[in-house]
Amino acid sequence: MEAKRVIFSPTHFCTVLILTLYFLVDSPSNADLSFDFYAASCPTAEFMVRNIVSSASSTDPTIPGKLLRLLFHDCFVEGCDASVLLQGNGTERSDPANTSLGGFSVIDSAKRVLEIFCPATVSCADIIALAARDAVEFAGGPAIRIPTGRKDGRVSSVTNVRPNIADTSFTTDDMIKLFSSKGLSQDDLVILSGVCIRNTDPKLLF
């Protein structure tokens, strides 16, 4: 039987753009990425993450959107280092901008499975990136490859969230400055605001 196709409201271009933004956001953890990073240490890592995302998406069609938003919030605050996963008072996750994030259970499930077969090998930062990549495909977008080898951040501070995540109080100039600080252009801002947000709840990304 053919797997159920998850319906996701934003356009395919929007989902691909969000993953493209991942590569544009400057992050020290991206220095040594490669497409075969786990080829020897955990060759089935991507397959295992994909299966977890597929299973979750088939029962909850909101999962792809949640995983993409989780990636966006992780990458825009101190780079794509999974620091958004850390819990506790004063962490990124405790900020109101992040309390509505979802998809954590999918990342947790993937991490548990990977720890069984490849202990202490696959970073949570890579799991988030791979899960979001798979979410694009399960939302009806194209299958793409992304490099792996990201390192997990050990510091997660709530004070880093507000300067890096846009909210309703941001002016146009504020948004331009924020995107510019991430190496993104005004065109990127216009596309995200006009294409993505027009097609879904504005809270999906920001």
C-alpha atoms as a PDB file:
ATOM      1  CA  MET A   1       0.000   0.000   0.000  1.00  0.00           C
ATOM      2  CA  GLU A   2       1.290   3.452  -0.913  1.00  0.00           C
ATOM      3  CA  ALA A   3       2.273   5.603   2.047  1.00  0.00           C
ATOM      4  CA  LYS A   4      -0.165   8.387   2.926  1.00  0.00           C
ATOM      5  CA  ARG A   5       0.927  11.767   1.564  1.00  0.00           C
ATOM      6  CA  VAL A   6       0.921  14.470   4.202  1.00  0.00           C
ATOM      7  CA  ILE A   7      -0.758  17.711   3.139  1.00  0.00           C
ATOM      8  CA  PHE A   8       1.120  20.835   4.182  1.00  0.00           C
ATOM      9  CA  SER A   9      -0.306  24.297   3.591  1.00  0.00           C
ATOM     10  CA  PRO A  10       2.777  26.382   2.578  1.00  0.00           C
ATOM     11  CA  THR A  11       4.011  26.124  -0.985  1.00  0.00           C
ATOM     12  CA  HIS A  12       6.783  23.705  -1.839  1.00  0.00           C
ATOM     13  CA  PHE A  13       8.973  26.700  -2.575  1.00  0.00           C
ATOM     14  CA  CYS A  14       8.502  27.919   0.979  1.00  0.00           C
ATOM     15  CA  THR A  15       9.607  24.638   2.528  1.00  0.00           C
ATOM     16  CA  VAL A  16      12.671  24.448   0.328  1.00  0.00           C
ATOM     17  CA  LEU A  17      13.503  28.081   1.090  1.00  0.00           C
ATOM     18  CA  ILE A  18      13.491  27.433   4.824  1.00  0.00           C
ATOM     19  CA  LEU A  19      16.016  24.653   4.390  1.00  0.00           C
ATOM     20  CA  THR A  20      18.052  26.923   2.138  1.00  0.00           C
ATOM     21  CA  LEU A  21      18.108  29.509   4.930  1.00  0.00           C
ATOM     22  CA  TYR A  22      19.641  26.861   7.147  1.00  0.00           C
ATOM     23  CA  PHE A  23      22.752  26.801   4.995  1.00  0.00           C
ATOM     24  CA  LEU A  24      22.952  30.583   4.800  1.00  0.00           C
ATOM     25  CA  VAL A  25      22.796  31.195   8.539  1.00  0.00           C
ATOM     26  CA  ASP A  26      26.361  31.539   9.770  1.00  0.00           C
ATOM     27  CA  SER A  27      27.206  28.917  12.387  1.00  0.00           C
ATOM     28  CA  PRO A  28      30.492  27.570  13.732  1.00  0.00           C
ATOM     29  CA  SER A  29      28.908  24.121  13.844  1.00  0.00           C
ATOM     30  CA  ASN A  30      28.743  24.102  10.025  1.00  0.00           C
ATOM     31  CA  ALA A  31      32.516  24.216   9.517  1.00  0.00           C
ATOM     32  CA  ASP A  32      33.150  20.498   8.894  1.00  0.00           C
ATOM     33  CA  LEU A  33      29.958  19.268   7.277  1.00  0.00           C
ATOM     34  CA  SER A  34      29.982  16.522   4.666  1.00  0.00           C
ATOM     35  CA  PHE A  35      27.472  14.347   2.854  1.00  0.00           C
ATOM     36  CA  ASP A  36      29.015  11.131   4.168  1.00  0.00           C
ATOM     37  CA  PHE A  37      29.797  12.174   7.718  1.00  0.00           C
ATOM     38  CA  TYR A  38      28.137   9.083   9.246  1.00  0.00           C
ATOM     39  CA  ALA A  39      29.034   6.664   6.440  1.00  0.00           C
ATOM     40  CA  ALA A  40      31.337   4.660   8.696  1.00  0.00           C
ATOM     41  CA  SER A  41      30.105   5.438  12.206  1.00  0.00           C
ATOM     42  CA  CYS A  42      26.341   5.127  11.624  1.00  0.00           C
ATOM     43  CA  PRO A  43      25.508   4.373   7.978  1.00  0.00           C
ATOM     44  CA  THR A  44      21.764   3.999   8.587  1.00  0.00           C
ATOM     45  CA  ALA A  45      21.377   7.217  10.589  1.00  0.00           C
ATOM     46  CA  GLU A  46      19.430   9.098   7.920  1.00  0.00           C
ATOM     47  CA  PHE A  47      17.247   6.065   7.226  1.00  0.00           C
ATOM     48  CA  MET A  48      16.307   5.786  10.904  1.00  0.00           C
ATOM     49  CA  VAL A  49      15.455   9.482  11.207  1.00  0.00           C
ATOM     50  CA  ARG A  50      13.404   9.283   8.030  1.00  0.00           C
ATOM     51  CA  ASN A  51      11.368   6.360   9.348  1.00  0.00           C
ATOM     52  CA  ILE A  52      10.591   8.191  12.590  1.00  0.00           C
ATOM     53  CA  VAL A  53       9.491  11.336  10.725  1.00  0.00           C
ATOM     54  CA  SER A  54       7.422   9.291   8.273  1.00  0.00           C
ATOM     55  CA  SER A  55       5.616   7.465  11.062  1.00  0.00           C
ATOM     56  CA  ALA A  56       4.907  10.652  13.007  1.00  0.00           C
ATOM     57  CA  SER A  57       3.759  12.564   9.914  1.00  0.00           C
ATOM     58  CA  SER A  58       1.378   9.809   8.852  1.00  0.00           C
ATOM     59  CA  THR A  59      -0.519  10.067  12.140  1.00  0.00           C
ATOM     60  CA  ASP A  60      -0.221  13.832  12.637  1.00  0.00           C
ATOM     61  CA  PRO A  61      -0.200  15.982   9.468  1.00  0.00           C
ATOM     62  CA  THR A  62       0.998  19.014  11.452  1.00  0.00           C
ATOM     63  CA  ILE A  63       4.369  17.400  12.159  1.00  0.00           C
ATOM     64  CA  PRO A  64       6.153  18.648   8.998  1.00  0.00           C
ATOM     65  CA  GLY A  65       5.283  22.256   9.791  1.00  0.00           C
ATOM     66  CA  LYS A  66       6.356  21.834  13.399  1.00  0.00           C
ATOM     67  CA  LEU A  67       9.717  20.379  12.405  1.00  0.00           C
ATOM     68  CA  LEU A  68      10.397  23.187   9.932  1.00  0.00           C
ATOM     69  CA  ARG A  69       9.560  25.825  12.524  1.00  0.00           C
ATOM     70  CA  LEU A  70      11.765  24.047  15.064  1.00  0.00           C
ATOM     71  CA  LEU A  71      14.675  24.171  12.608  1.00  0.00           C
ATOM     72  CA  PHE A  72      14.063  27.855  11.916  1.00  0.00           C
ATOM     73  CA  HIS A  73      14.043  28.798  15.608  1.00  0.00           C
ATOM     74  CA  ASP A  74      17.120  26.696  16.323  1.00  0.00           C
ATOM     75  CA  CYS A  75      19.167  28.100  13.449  1.00  0.00           C
ATOM     76  CA  PHE A  76      18.271  31.751  13.874  1.00  0.00           C
ATOM     77  CA  VAL A  77      19.408  31.761  17.521  1.00  0.00           C
ATOM     78  CA  GLU A  78      23.160  31.146  17.786  1.00  0.00           C
ATOM     79  CA  GLY A  79      23.238  28.854  14.752  1.00  0.00           C
ATOM     80  CA  CYS A  80      21.942  25.330  14.108  1.00  0.00           C
ATOM     81  CA  ASP A  81      23.240  23.645  17.247  1.00  0.00           C
ATOM     82  CA  ALA A  82      20.142  22.068  18.865  1.00  0.00           C
ATOM     83  CA  SER A  83      20.378  24.507  21.778  1.00  0.00           C
ATOM     84  CA  VAL A  84      16.622  24.997  21.453  1.00  0.00           C
ATOM     85  CA  LEU A  85      16.186  21.464  22.833  1.00  0.00           C
ATOM     86  CA  LEU A  86      17.804  22.205  26.187  1.00  0.00           C
ATOM     87  CA  GLN A  87      15.278  22.647  28.982  1.00  0.00           C
ATOM     88  CA  GLY A  88      15.319  24.604  32.208  1.00  0.00           C
ATOM     89  CA  ASN A  89      14.865  28.094  33.539  1.00  0.00           C
ATOM     90  CA  GLY A  90      16.689  30.662  31.457  1.00  0.00           C
ATOM     91  CA  THR A  91      17.104  28.454  28.366  1.00  0.00           C
ATOM     92  CA  GLU A  92      16.033  29.346  24.821  1.00  0.00           C
ATOM     93  CA  ARG A  93      13.124  26.968  25.137  1.00  0.00           C
ATOM     94  CA  SER A  94      11.712  28.905  28.093  1.00  0.00           C
ATOM     95  CA  ASP A  95      11.210  32.079  26.050  1.00  0.00           C
ATOM     96  CA  PRO A  96       7.573  32.745  25.048  1.00  0.00           C
ATOM     97  CA  ALA A  97       8.626  32.730  21.383  1.00  0.00           C
ATOM     98  CA  ASN A  98       9.604  29.073  21.775  1.00  0.00           C
ATOM     99  CA  THR A  99       6.972  27.737  24.167  1.00  0.00           C
ATOM    100  CA  SER A 100       4.634  27.080  21.237  1.00  0.00           C
ATOM    101  CA  LEU A 101       7.212  25.069  19.295  1.00  0.00           C
ATOM    102  CA  GLY A 102       6.364  21.468  18.499  1.00  0.00           C
ATOM    103  CA  GLY A 103       8.019  18.399  17.038  1.00  0.00           C
ATOM    104  CA  PHE A 104      10.166  17.725  20.090  1.00  0.00           C
ATOM    105  CA  SER A 105       8.718  14.234  20.523  1.00  0.00           C
ATOM    106  CA  VAL A 106       9.846  13.316  17.004  1.00  0.00           C
ATOM    107  CA  ILE A 107      13.397  14.461  17.700  1.00  0.00           C
ATOM    108  CA  ASP A 108      13.381  12.617  21.040  1.00  0.00           C
ATOM    109  CA  SER A 109      12.157   9.412  19.393  1.00  0.00           C
ATOM    110  CA  ALA A 110      14.822   9.591  16.706  1.00  0.00           C
ATOM    111  CA  LYS A 111      17.514  10.221  19.297  1.00  0.00           C
ATOM    112  CA  ARG A 112      16.416   7.203  21.370  1.00  0.00           C
ATOM    113  CA  VAL A 113      16.559   4.892  18.354  1.00  0.00           C
ATOM    114  CA  LEU A 114      19.928   6.223  17.225  1.00  0.00           C
ATOM    115  CA  GLU A 115      21.388   5.801  20.701  1.00  0.00           C
ATOM    116  CA  ILE A 116      20.457   2.115  20.587  1.00  0.00           C
ATOM    117  CA  PHE A 117      22.209   1.430  17.281  1.00  0.00           C
ATOM    118  CA  CYS A 118      24.868   4.161  17.261  1.00  0.00           C
ATOM    119  CA  PRO A 119      25.524   5.324  20.823  1.00  0.00           C
ATOM    120  CA  ALA A 120      26.949   8.828  21.296  1.00  0.00           C
ATOM    121  CA  THR A 121      27.399   9.294  17.555  1.00  0.00           C
ATOM    122  CA  VAL A 122      24.659  11.341  15.875  1.00  0.00           C
ATOM    123  CA  SER A 123      24.212  14.888  17.157  1.00  0.00           C
ATOM    124  CA  CYS A 124      20.811  16.328  18.007  1.00  0.00           C
ATOM    125  CA  ALA A 125      21.634  19.227  15.689  1.00  0.00           C
ATOM    126  CA  ASP A 126      21.895  16.788  12.789  1.00  0.00           C
ATOM    127  CA  ILE A 127      18.689  15.045  13.839  1.00  0.00           C
ATOM    128  CA  ILE A 128      16.775  18.347  13.715  1.00  0.00           C
ATOM    129  CA  ALA A 129      18.229  19.170  10.296  1.00  0.00           C
ATOM    130  CA  LEU A 130      17.536  15.703   8.873  1.00  0.00           C
ATOM    131  CA  ALA A 131      14.019  15.625  10.313  1.00  0.00           C
ATOM    132  CA  ALA A 132      13.218  19.009   8.755  1.00  0.00           C
ATOM    133  CA  ARG A 133      14.700  17.843   5.458  1.00  0.00           C
ATOM    134  CA  ASP A 134      12.463  14.772   5.514  1.00  0.00           C
ATOM    135  CA  ALA A 135       9.487  16.931   6.516  1.00  0.00           C
ATOM    136  CA  VAL A 136       9.855  18.819   3.226  1.00  0.00           C
ATOM    137  CA  GLU A 137       9.504  15.603   1.257  1.00  0.00           C
ATOM    138  CA  PHE A 138       6.617  14.264   3.326  1.00  0.00           C
ATOM    139  CA  ALA A 139       4.860  17.618   2.863  1.00  0.00           C
ATOM    140  CA  GLY A 140       4.947  17.019  -0.875  1.00  0.00           C
ATOM    141  CA  GLY A 141       8.219  18.737  -1.665  1.00  0.00           C
ATOM    142  CA  PRO A 142      11.325  17.316  -3.314  1.00  0.00           C
ATOM    143  CA  ALA A 143      13.783  14.900  -1.755  1.00  0.00           C
ATOM    144  CA  ILE A 144      17.087  16.670  -1.204  1.00  0.00           C
ATOM    145  CA  ARG A 145      20.444  15.855   0.340  1.00  0.00           C
ATOM    146  CA  ILE A 146      21.964  17.853   3.163  1.00  0.00           C
ATOM    147  CA  PRO A 147      25.423  17.494   4.706  1.00  0.00           C
ATOM    148  CA  THR A 148      25.812  16.338   8.295  1.00  0.00           C
ATOM    149  CA  GLY A 149      28.407  16.675  11.010  1.00  0.00           C
ATOM    150  CA  ARG A 150      26.923  19.457  13.146  1.00  0.00           C
ATOM    151  CA  LYS A 151      27.908  19.729  16.760  1.00  0.00           C
ATOM    152  CA  ASP A 152      25.457  20.221  19.602  1.00  0.00           C
ATOM    153  CA  GLY A 153      25.614  23.455  21.535  1.00  0.00           C
ATOM    154  CA  ARG A 154      26.146  23.289  25.279  1.00  0.00           C
ATOM    155  CA  VAL A 155      24.873  26.785  26.039  1.00  0.00           C
ATOM    156  CA  SER A 156      21.244  27.839  25.740  1.00  0.00           C
ATOM    157  CA  SER A 157      20.303  31.287  26.995  1.00  0.00           C
ATOM    158  CA  VAL A 158      16.887  32.910  26.904  1.00  0.00           C
ATOM    159  CA  THR A 159      18.574  36.274  26.391  1.00  0.00           C
ATOM    160  CA  ASN A 160      19.669  35.162  22.915  1.00  0.00           C
ATOM    161  CA  VAL A 161      16.136  34.569  21.656  1.00  0.00           C
ATOM    162  CA  ARG A 162      14.536  38.008  21.405  1.00  0.00           C
ATOM    163  CA  PRO A 163      17.350  39.648  19.430  1.00  0.00           C
ATOM    164  CA  ASN A 164      17.207  36.797  16.904  1.00  0.00           C
ATOM    165  CA  ILE A 165      13.541  35.874  16.483  1.00  0.00           C
ATOM    166  CA  ALA A 166      11.145  38.374  14.932  1.00  0.00           C
ATOM    167  CA  ASP A 167       7.873  39.186  16.663  1.00  0.00           C
ATOM    168  CA  THR A 168       4.917  41.487  16.075  1.00  0.00           C
ATOM    169  CA  SER A 169       6.776  44.462  17.543  1.00  0.00           C
ATOM    170  CA  PHE A 170       9.455  44.361  14.824  1.00  0.00           C
ATOM    171  CA  THR A 171       9.500  47.185  12.294  1.00  0.00           C
ATOM    172  CA  THR A 172      10.585  46.695   8.700  1.00  0.00           C
ATOM    173  CA  ASP A 173      13.998  48.090   9.569  1.00  0.00           C
ATOM    174  CA  ASP A 174      14.252  45.664  12.497  1.00  0.00           C
ATOM    175  CA  MET A 175      13.480  42.741  10.183  1.00  0.00           C
ATOM    176  CA  ILE A 176      16.009  43.889   7.589  1.00  0.00           C
ATOM    177  CA  LYS A 177      18.707  44.209  10.241  1.00  0.00           C
ATOM    178  CA  LEU A 178      17.901  40.777  11.669  1.00  0.00           C
ATOM    179  CA  PHE A 179      18.066  39.043   8.300  1.00  0.00           C
ATOM    180  CA  SER A 180      21.202  40.936   7.336  1.00  0.00           C
ATOM    181  CA  SER A 181      22.901  39.728  10.517  1.00  0.00           C
ATOM    182  CA  LYS A 182      22.261  36.154   9.343  1.00  0.00           C
ATOM    183  CA  GLY A 183      23.723  36.759   5.905  1.00  0.00           C
ATOM    184  CA  LEU A 184      20.290  37.025   4.306  1.00  0.00           C
ATOM    185  CA  SER A 185      19.090  39.681   1.884  1.00  0.00           C
ATOM    186  CA  GLN A 186      16.004  41.866   1.698  1.00  0.00           C
ATOM    187  CA  ASP A 187      14.815  39.572  -1.087  1.00  0.00           C
ATOM    188  CA  ASP A 188      14.974  36.627   1.321  1.00  0.00           C
ATOM    189  CA  LEU A 189      12.915  38.611   3.824  1.00  0.00           C
ATOM    190  CA  VAL A 190      10.328  39.539   1.203  1.00  0.00           C
ATOM    191  CA  ILE A 191      10.037  35.936   0.022  1.00  0.00           C
ATOM    192  CA  LEU A 192       9.614  34.579   3.535  1.00  0.00           C
ATOM    193  CA  SER A 193       7.088  37.227   4.514  1.00  0.00           C
ATOM    194  CA  GLY A 194       5.201  37.280   1.229  1.00  0.00           C
ATOM    195  CA  VAL A 195       5.253  33.665   0.098  1.00  0.00           C
ATOM    196  CA  CYS A 196       5.463  31.624   3.281  1.00  0.00           C
ATOM    197  CA  ILE A 197       3.496  33.703   5.745  1.00  0.00           C
ATOM    198  CA  ARG A 198       0.776  34.536   3.230  1.00  0.00           C
ATOM    199  CA  ASN A 199       0.078  30.833   2.823  1.00  0.00           C
ATOM    200  CA  THR A 200      -0.064  29.870   6.472  1.00  0.00           C
ATOM    201  CA  ASP A 201      -0.256  31.115  10.037  1.00  0.00           C
ATOM    202  CA  PRO A 202       2.457  33.765  10.548  1.00  0.00           C
ATOM    203  CA  LYS A 203       3.444  31.989  13.739  1.00  0.00           C
ATOM    204  CA  LEU A 204       4.644  29.011  11.696  1.00  0.00           C
ATOM    205  CA  LEU A 205       8.046  30.564  11.170  1.00  0.00           C
ATOM    206  CA  PHE A 206       8.417  33.309  13.708  1.00  0.00           C
END
